[in-house]
């Protein structure tokens, strides 16, 4: 473990042996950092939630293995017994704010100066563009992408891309899906389903594969509803 002399780390914080904490970072006692986590300068992990309904109590933040927290990131602890969580292998870039009760999966990238409101859920492999704002209780599906400087007020479908203010679905996350090595047949099926949804059709079920995951997301509980579709969109 390497903790810079200027960092402030509460003795109650749980840090794996190889965690690295940079200068002037603050790690509160309610924080658990797994193996391989790096926290850069001036980050603050585990501060009180910015929720007027919060009345105190022993709540926590958990950050999974091999995740990088860059300069001046702020991650607030949860308001309930379920921790604010950032998964494994994530990159949380500089000046990002991750509010109370957020749940980030594995391999998530949150780009420079983006802000996630309370209770936001970001599934595995999703990317949130720089300076984007995501409203409380929004869900962002796996391998989705949010374009830079977007205002996201409704849920983002898995494997898709949104952009704008307010954000609308533009297309599939073409670049991300290609990089992930998605089989061509799965990509074609997603393209077909995206076109159906854009044209107002409903999907009841699907056998398996990524489309089944998209349909499951659509059927899941939502506080915000699904971001609308923009016709004539291009790859995000």
Protein backbone atom coordinates (compact mmCIF):
# COMPACT_ATOMS: atom_id res chain seq x y z
CA UNK A 1 0.00 0.00 0.00
CA UNK A 2 1.22 3.49 -0.82
CA UNK A 3 -0.47 6.51 0.77
CA UNK A 4 0.97 9.93 0.01
CA UNK A 5 1.95 11.80 3.19
CA UNK A 6 -0.49 14.63 2.41
CA UNK A 7 -3.48 12.30 1.97
CA UNK A 8 -6.03 11.93 4.77
CA UNK A 9 -7.15 8.32 5.25
CA UNK A 10 -9.39 7.40 8.16
CA UNK A 11 -8.03 4.51 10.22
CA UNK A 12 -11.36 2.70 9.80
CA UNK A 13 -11.12 2.66 5.99
CA UNK A 14 -10.52 -0.80 4.50
CA UNK A 15 -7.70 -0.71 1.94
CA UNK A 16 -6.19 -3.67 0.13
CA UNK A 17 -2.44 -4.10 0.42
CA UNK A 18 -1.61 -2.66 -3.01
CA UNK A 19 -3.95 0.35 -3.03
CA UNK A 20 -2.34 3.66 -4.06
CA UNK A 21 -3.63 6.95 -2.62
CA UNK A 22 -2.35 10.19 -4.18
CA UNK A 23 -1.61 13.58 -2.65
CA UNK A 24 -4.33 15.50 -0.79
CA UNK A 25 -6.91 12.75 -1.34
CA UNK A 26 -9.43 12.15 1.46
CA UNK A 27 -10.71 8.65 2.22
CA UNK A 28 -13.36 8.45 4.92
CA UNK A 29 -13.78 5.53 7.30
CA UNK A 30 -16.85 4.19 5.51
CA UNK A 31 -14.83 3.25 2.40
CA UNK A 32 -13.64 -0.16 1.18
CA UNK A 33 -11.04 -0.24 -1.63
CA UNK A 34 -10.26 -3.55 -3.30
CA UNK A 35 -6.94 -4.73 -4.72
CA UNK A 36 -5.36 -2.65 -7.46
CA UNK A 37 -7.40 0.51 -6.83
CA UNK A 38 -5.66 3.81 -7.49
CA UNK A 39 -6.95 7.09 -6.11
CA UNK A 40 -5.33 10.21 -7.55
CA UNK A 41 -4.83 13.65 -6.03
CA UNK A 42 -7.59 15.64 -4.32
CA UNK A 43 -10.22 12.90 -4.68
CA UNK A 44 -12.74 12.58 -1.86
CA UNK A 45 -14.26 9.16 -1.17
CA UNK A 46 -17.05 8.53 1.31
CA UNK A 47 -18.32 12.01 2.11
CA UNK A 48 -21.82 12.49 3.51
CA UNK A 49 -24.60 12.11 0.92
CA UNK A 50 -26.08 15.36 -0.39
CA UNK A 51 -29.61 14.25 0.42
CA UNK A 52 -31.80 16.39 2.69
CA UNK A 53 -33.66 13.26 3.80
CA UNK A 54 -30.50 11.60 5.10
CA UNK A 55 -30.50 11.39 8.89
CA UNK A 56 -27.10 9.80 9.41
CA UNK A 57 -25.98 6.26 10.07
CA UNK A 58 -23.23 3.80 9.13
CA UNK A 59 -23.43 3.77 5.33
CA UNK A 60 -20.59 2.95 2.95
CA UNK A 61 -18.75 3.19 -0.38
CA UNK A 62 -17.24 0.15 -2.11
CA UNK A 63 -14.81 0.31 -5.04
CA UNK A 64 -13.89 -2.88 -6.88
CA UNK A 65 -10.47 -4.17 -7.97
CA UNK A 66 -8.30 -2.41 -10.55
CA UNK A 67 -10.47 0.70 -10.70
CA UNK A 68 -8.82 4.09 -11.21
CA UNK A 69 -10.20 7.19 -9.52
CA UNK A 70 -8.63 10.27 -11.08
CA UNK A 71 -7.98 13.78 -9.80
CA UNK A 72 -10.65 15.63 -7.81
CA UNK A 73 -13.30 12.92 -8.10
CA UNK A 74 -16.00 12.99 -5.42
CA UNK A 75 -17.85 9.79 -4.44
CA UNK A 76 -20.48 10.06 -1.70
CA UNK A 77 -21.54 7.25 0.58
CA UNK A 78 -25.00 5.75 0.43
CA UNK A 79 -28.13 6.72 2.33
CA UNK A 80 -29.06 3.10 3.08
CA UNK A 81 -27.32 -0.13 4.07
CA UNK A 82 -26.64 -0.84 0.36
CA UNK A 83 -23.27 0.77 -0.44
CA UNK A 84 -22.61 3.30 -3.15
CA UNK A 85 -20.65 1.00 -5.45
CA UNK A 86 -18.16 1.32 -8.29
CA UNK A 87 -17.28 -2.03 -9.82
CA UNK A 88 -14.06 -3.60 -11.07
CA UNK A 89 -11.86 -2.22 -13.81
CA UNK A 90 -13.63 1.14 -14.02
CA UNK A 91 -12.07 4.47 -14.98
CA UNK A 92 -13.55 7.49 -13.22
CA UNK A 93 -11.90 10.50 -14.83
CA UNK A 94 -11.05 13.84 -13.26
CA UNK A 95 -13.64 16.06 -11.58
CA UNK A 96 -16.38 13.42 -11.85
CA UNK A 97 -19.10 13.37 -9.19
CA UNK A 98 -20.67 10.04 -8.22
CA UNK A 99 -23.57 10.80 -5.89
CA UNK A 100 -25.05 8.75 -3.07
CA UNK A 101 -26.45 5.30 -3.81
CA UNK A 102 -25.08 5.10 -7.36
CA UNK A 103 -24.41 1.59 -8.63
CA UNK A 104 -21.73 1.28 -11.31
CA UNK A 105 -20.96 -2.10 -12.84
CA UNK A 106 -17.63 -3.44 -14.09
CA UNK A 107 -15.63 -1.79 -16.84
CA UNK A 108 -17.56 1.48 -16.69
CA UNK A 109 -15.92 4.69 -17.92
CA UNK A 110 -17.15 8.05 -16.64
CA UNK A 111 -15.40 10.82 -18.53
CA UNK A 112 -14.08 14.18 -17.40
CA UNK A 113 -16.35 16.38 -15.26
CA UNK A 114 -19.48 14.24 -15.69
CA UNK A 115 -21.96 14.16 -12.82
CA UNK A 116 -24.16 11.25 -11.75
CA UNK A 117 -27.12 12.12 -9.53
CA UNK A 118 -28.23 9.95 -6.63
CA UNK A 119 -29.37 6.38 -7.26
CA UNK A 120 -28.10 6.31 -10.86
CA UNK A 121 -27.34 2.78 -12.15
CA UNK A 122 -24.70 2.28 -14.86
CA UNK A 123 -24.35 -1.28 -16.11
CA UNK A 124 -21.19 -3.12 -17.21
CA UNK A 125 -19.11 -1.60 -19.98
CA UNK A 126 -21.10 1.62 -20.38
CA UNK A 127 -19.40 4.95 -21.15
CA UNK A 128 -20.61 8.34 -19.91
CA UNK A 129 -19.22 11.22 -21.95
CA UNK A 130 -17.42 14.23 -20.54
CA UNK A 131 -19.41 17.01 -18.84
CA UNK A 132 -22.62 15.00 -19.06
CA UNK A 133 -25.30 15.31 -16.38
CA UNK A 134 -27.32 12.24 -15.41
CA UNK A 135 -30.49 12.81 -13.39
CA UNK A 136 -31.29 10.89 -10.22
CA UNK A 137 -32.66 7.33 -10.62
CA UNK A 138 -31.73 7.08 -14.31
CA UNK A 139 -30.59 3.65 -15.56
CA UNK A 140 -27.86 3.31 -18.20
CA UNK A 141 -27.73 -0.13 -19.77
CA UNK A 142 -24.68 -2.27 -20.42
CA UNK A 143 -22.33 -1.18 -23.24
CA UNK A 144 -24.36 1.98 -23.77
CA UNK A 145 -22.70 5.30 -24.52
CA UNK A 146 -23.73 8.80 -23.48
CA UNK A 147 -22.41 11.53 -25.77
CA UNK A 148 -20.40 14.37 -24.27
CA UNK A 149 -22.27 17.28 -22.66
CA UNK A 150 -25.60 15.42 -22.67
CA UNK A 151 -28.39 15.97 -20.16
CA UNK A 152 -29.75 12.50 -19.43
CA UNK A 153 -33.18 12.61 -17.82
CA UNK A 154 -34.46 9.17 -18.87
CA UNK A 155 -33.08 5.63 -19.09
CA UNK A 156 -30.55 4.65 -21.75
CA UNK A 157 -31.03 1.28 -23.45
CA UNK A 158 -28.24 -1.32 -23.43
CA UNK A 159 -25.92 -1.28 -26.47
CA UNK A 160 -27.32 2.07 -27.61
CA UNK A 161 -26.10 5.66 -27.75
CA UNK A 162 -27.80 8.84 -26.59
CA UNK A 163 -26.84 12.45 -27.08
CA UNK A 164 -28.25 15.93 -26.57
CA UNK A 165 -30.18 18.03 -24.07
CA UNK A 166 -32.38 16.31 -23.21
CA UNK A 167 -30.64 13.17 -24.43
CA UNK A 168 -32.33 11.08 -27.11
CA UNK A 169 -31.44 7.69 -28.58
CA UNK A 170 -29.50 8.24 -31.79
CA UNK A 171 -28.20 4.82 -32.81
CA UNK A 172 -26.49 1.72 -31.56
CA UNK A 173 -23.13 2.16 -29.81
CA UNK A 174 -21.43 1.10 -33.03
CA UNK A 175 -17.84 1.77 -32.00
CA UNK A 176 -18.22 0.16 -28.58
CA UNK A 177 -19.89 -2.96 -29.94
CA UNK A 178 -17.21 -3.44 -32.58
CA UNK A 179 -14.48 -3.05 -29.98
CA UNK A 180 -16.15 -5.62 -27.77
CA UNK A 181 -16.05 -8.19 -30.58
CA UNK A 182 -19.82 -8.67 -30.78
CA UNK A 183 -20.67 -11.33 -33.40
CA UNK A 184 -22.14 -9.88 -36.62
CA UNK A 185 -25.38 -11.83 -36.17
CA UNK A 186 -25.96 -10.27 -32.76
CA UNK A 187 -25.20 -6.83 -34.13
CA UNK A 188 -27.68 -7.29 -37.00
CA UNK A 189 -30.36 -8.44 -34.55
CA UNK A 190 -29.78 -5.38 -32.38
CA UNK A 191 -29.94 -3.10 -35.42
CA UNK A 192 -33.27 -4.64 -36.41
CA UNK A 193 -34.70 -4.25 -32.91
CA UNK A 194 -33.42 -0.67 -32.59
CA UNK A 195 -35.23 0.21 -35.82
CA UNK A 196 -38.42 -1.41 -34.51
CA UNK A 197 -38.28 0.55 -31.28
CA UNK A 198 -37.52 3.79 -33.08
CA UNK A 199 -40.62 3.25 -35.22
CA UNK A 200 -42.82 2.74 -32.19
CA UNK A 201 -43.12 -1.04 -32.08
CA UNK A 202 -43.22 -2.92 -28.79
CA UNK A 203 -41.13 -5.98 -27.93
CA UNK A 204 -42.68 -8.72 -25.81
CA UNK A 205 -39.88 -11.27 -25.62
CA UNK A 206 -36.71 -12.54 -27.26
CA UNK A 207 -35.00 -15.89 -26.98
CA UNK A 208 -31.43 -15.07 -26.05
CA UNK A 209 -28.40 -12.93 -26.75
CA UNK A 210 -28.02 -9.14 -26.50
CA UNK A 211 -31.55 -8.48 -27.72
CA UNK A 212 -32.93 -10.55 -24.85
CA UNK A 213 -30.89 -8.39 -22.47
CA UNK A 214 -32.32 -5.26 -24.06
CA UNK A 215 -35.86 -6.60 -23.74
CA UNK A 216 -35.21 -7.49 -20.10
CA UNK A 217 -34.00 -3.93 -19.48
CA UNK A 218 -37.17 -2.54 -21.06
CA UNK A 219 -39.27 -4.72 -18.76
CA UNK A 220 -37.37 -3.71 -15.64
CA UNK A 221 -38.53 -1.15 -13.08
CA UNK A 222 -37.96 2.43 -14.14
CA UNK A 223 -38.50 5.73 -12.33
CA UNK A 224 -37.81 7.85 -15.41
CA UNK A 225 -38.98 5.96 -18.48
CA UNK A 226 -36.93 5.41 -21.63
CA UNK A 227 -35.17 8.21 -23.49
CA UNK A 228 -37.03 8.96 -26.74
CA UNK A 229 -35.69 8.12 -30.17
CA UNK A 230 -34.45 10.64 -32.68
CA UNK A 231 -35.11 9.79 -36.30
CA UNK A 232 -32.26 10.05 -38.74
CA UNK A 233 -29.59 9.51 -36.10
CA UNK A 234 -26.05 8.47 -36.88
CA UNK A 235 -23.57 6.31 -35.03
CA UNK A 236 -22.58 7.62 -31.60
